[in-house]
Protein backbone atom coordinates (compact mmCIF):
# COMPACT_ATOMS: atom_id res chain seq x y z
CA UNK A 1 -39.31 -45.77 45.68
CA UNK A 2 -37.21 -47.26 42.91
CA UNK A 3 -38.78 -50.68 43.48
CA UNK A 4 -42.24 -49.13 43.18
CA UNK A 5 -41.30 -47.46 39.87
CA UNK A 6 -39.85 -50.72 38.53
CA UNK A 7 -42.97 -52.61 39.64
CA UNK A 8 -45.19 -50.04 37.89
CA UNK A 9 -43.16 -50.23 34.65
CA UNK A 10 -43.28 -54.04 34.68
CA UNK A 11 -47.04 -53.99 35.33
CA UNK A 12 -47.69 -51.56 32.45
CA UNK A 13 -45.49 -53.57 30.09
CA UNK A 14 -47.21 -56.84 30.98
CA UNK A 15 -50.68 -55.31 30.62
CA UNK A 16 -49.82 -53.79 27.23
CA UNK A 17 -48.30 -57.06 26.08
CA UNK A 18 -51.36 -59.07 27.13
CA UNK A 19 -54.01 -56.77 25.66
CA UNK A 20 -52.55 -54.73 22.80
CA UNK A 21 -50.04 -56.85 20.92
CA UNK A 22 -50.22 -58.82 17.71
CA UNK A 23 -47.84 -61.35 16.25
CA UNK A 24 -45.51 -60.02 13.57
CA UNK A 25 -42.51 -61.47 11.79
CA UNK A 26 -39.21 -59.61 12.09
CA UNK A 27 -35.93 -60.17 10.25
CA UNK A 28 -33.99 -59.35 7.13
CA UNK A 29 -35.65 -61.91 4.85
CA UNK A 30 -39.11 -63.36 5.41
CA UNK A 31 -38.01 -66.99 5.22
CA UNK A 32 -35.70 -66.51 8.23
CA UNK A 33 -37.86 -64.02 10.16
CA UNK A 34 -38.91 -64.80 13.73
CA UNK A 35 -42.40 -64.31 15.15
CA UNK A 36 -42.59 -61.77 18.00
CA UNK A 37 -45.37 -59.92 19.76
CA UNK A 38 -45.50 -56.18 19.02
CA UNK A 39 -47.75 -53.22 19.64
CA UNK A 40 -48.33 -51.26 16.43
CA UNK A 41 -49.25 -47.59 16.06
CA UNK A 42 -48.95 -45.00 13.31
CA UNK A 43 -48.00 -41.35 13.12
CA UNK A 44 -48.18 -38.74 10.37
CA UNK A 45 -46.15 -35.57 10.05
CA UNK A 46 -46.12 -32.66 7.64
CA UNK A 47 -43.22 -30.35 6.98
CA UNK A 48 -42.04 -27.89 4.36
CA UNK A 49 -38.63 -27.77 2.74
CA UNK A 50 -37.92 -25.08 0.12
CA UNK A 51 -41.67 -24.39 -0.24
CA UNK A 52 -42.37 -28.07 -0.97
CA UNK A 53 -44.76 -29.83 1.36
CA UNK A 54 -43.62 -33.21 2.66
CA UNK A 55 -45.86 -35.80 4.27
CA UNK A 56 -44.37 -38.67 6.22
CA UNK A 57 -46.21 -41.66 7.59
CA UNK A 58 -44.36 -43.83 10.10
CA UNK A 59 -45.56 -47.06 11.67
CA UNK A 60 -44.20 -47.71 15.14
CA UNK A 61 -43.69 -51.23 16.46
CA UNK A 62 -43.02 -51.65 20.17
CA UNK A 63 -41.17 -54.82 21.18
CA UNK A 64 -39.93 -56.12 24.48
CA UNK A 65 -36.19 -55.53 24.54
CA UNK A 66 -35.70 -58.99 26.07
CA UNK A 67 -37.50 -60.60 23.07
CA UNK A 68 -35.19 -58.83 20.60
CA UNK A 69 -32.10 -59.87 22.56
CA UNK A 70 -33.29 -63.49 22.99
CA UNK A 71 -33.82 -63.80 19.22
CA UNK A 72 -30.57 -61.97 18.34
CA UNK A 73 -32.39 -59.25 16.36
CA UNK A 74 -29.92 -56.53 15.35
CA UNK A 75 -31.52 -53.13 14.74
CA UNK A 76 -29.88 -51.95 11.53
CA UNK A 77 -30.74 -50.89 7.99
CA UNK A 78 -32.63 -53.48 6.04
CA UNK A 79 -34.53 -54.84 9.05
CA UNK A 80 -38.10 -55.67 8.02
CA UNK A 81 -41.34 -56.40 9.82
CA UNK A 82 -44.27 -58.30 8.31
CA UNK A 83 -47.83 -58.30 9.65
CA UNK A 84 -50.94 -59.86 8.11
CA UNK A 85 -50.70 -58.09 4.76
CA UNK A 86 -47.96 -55.45 4.86
CA UNK A 87 -44.20 -55.21 4.83
CA UNK A 88 -42.39 -52.48 6.78
CA UNK A 89 -38.73 -51.47 6.83
CA UNK A 90 -36.90 -49.56 9.53
CA UNK A 91 -36.94 -45.85 8.76
CA UNK A 92 -33.68 -44.03 8.14
CA UNK A 93 -33.44 -40.23 8.20
CA UNK A 94 -29.80 -39.56 8.88
CA UNK A 95 -29.99 -42.15 11.65
CA UNK A 96 -31.98 -45.28 12.39
CA UNK A 97 -35.32 -44.38 13.93
CA UNK A 98 -35.65 -46.45 17.09
CA UNK A 99 -35.68 -45.59 20.76
CA UNK A 100 -36.40 -46.94 24.22
CA UNK A 101 -39.95 -46.31 25.38
CA UNK A 102 -39.35 -46.19 29.12
CA UNK A 103 -36.65 -45.19 31.62
CA UNK A 104 -35.85 -48.81 32.49
CA UNK A 105 -35.33 -49.61 28.77
CA UNK A 106 -37.75 -52.56 28.85
CA UNK A 107 -39.42 -51.70 25.53
CA UNK A 108 -37.93 -50.71 22.18
CA UNK A 109 -39.92 -48.75 19.60
CA UNK A 110 -38.85 -49.20 15.99
CA UNK A 111 -40.14 -46.60 13.54
CA UNK A 112 -40.81 -48.03 10.09
CA UNK A 113 -42.19 -47.10 6.71
CA UNK A 114 -44.51 -49.31 4.68
CA UNK A 115 -42.67 -50.72 1.67
CA UNK A 116 -45.19 -53.29 0.40
CA UNK A 117 -48.87 -54.02 0.85
CA UNK A 118 -51.25 -56.70 -0.29
CA UNK A 119 -54.31 -55.00 1.22
CA UNK A 120 -55.71 -53.87 -2.12
CA UNK A 121 -54.33 -56.35 -4.61
CA UNK A 122 -56.90 -57.14 -7.28
CA UNK A 123 -56.37 -60.09 -9.60
CA UNK A 124 -55.87 -59.23 -13.25
CA UNK A 125 -59.19 -60.59 -14.48
CA UNK A 126 -61.22 -58.83 -17.19
CA UNK A 127 -64.49 -57.30 -16.02
CA UNK A 128 -67.41 -59.58 -16.98
CA UNK A 129 -69.81 -57.76 -19.30
CA UNK A 130 -72.70 -60.12 -18.72
CA UNK A 131 -72.46 -60.14 -14.88
CA UNK A 132 -71.03 -63.67 -14.92
CA UNK A 133 -67.62 -64.58 -13.62
CA UNK A 134 -65.13 -65.55 -16.33
CA UNK A 135 -64.33 -69.24 -16.72
CA UNK A 136 -60.84 -69.71 -15.26
CA UNK A 137 -60.67 -73.47 -15.71
CA UNK A 138 -58.18 -74.64 -18.29
């Protein structure tokens, strides 16, 4: 029975990895970050403390534990993940927010918060009043 459970976990991990992952960079500084495959999801939560409403938005990245070990990635404060246009940092709420996703501890989920985004960066160019683009040549 244990072999069947292990086979099922391996099959699900391989299927997820083949069909639902994207390449991200992970490390403490972008210049030394390593590319790894990760599955990304997001979660929102609302709570109230002293009659003040709090909204939290976490982004979860699921990595193969073996990939993290092979690349000597230490899960600690300051760890960052970069995707196409965003930067995320491991969340910390009294403890680091990461956990194993399965009983065999094949996958690690790291909860992050978005700390930087270039999704909506607009260049600082004055709006053209005559519907022509400004001349940017020097």
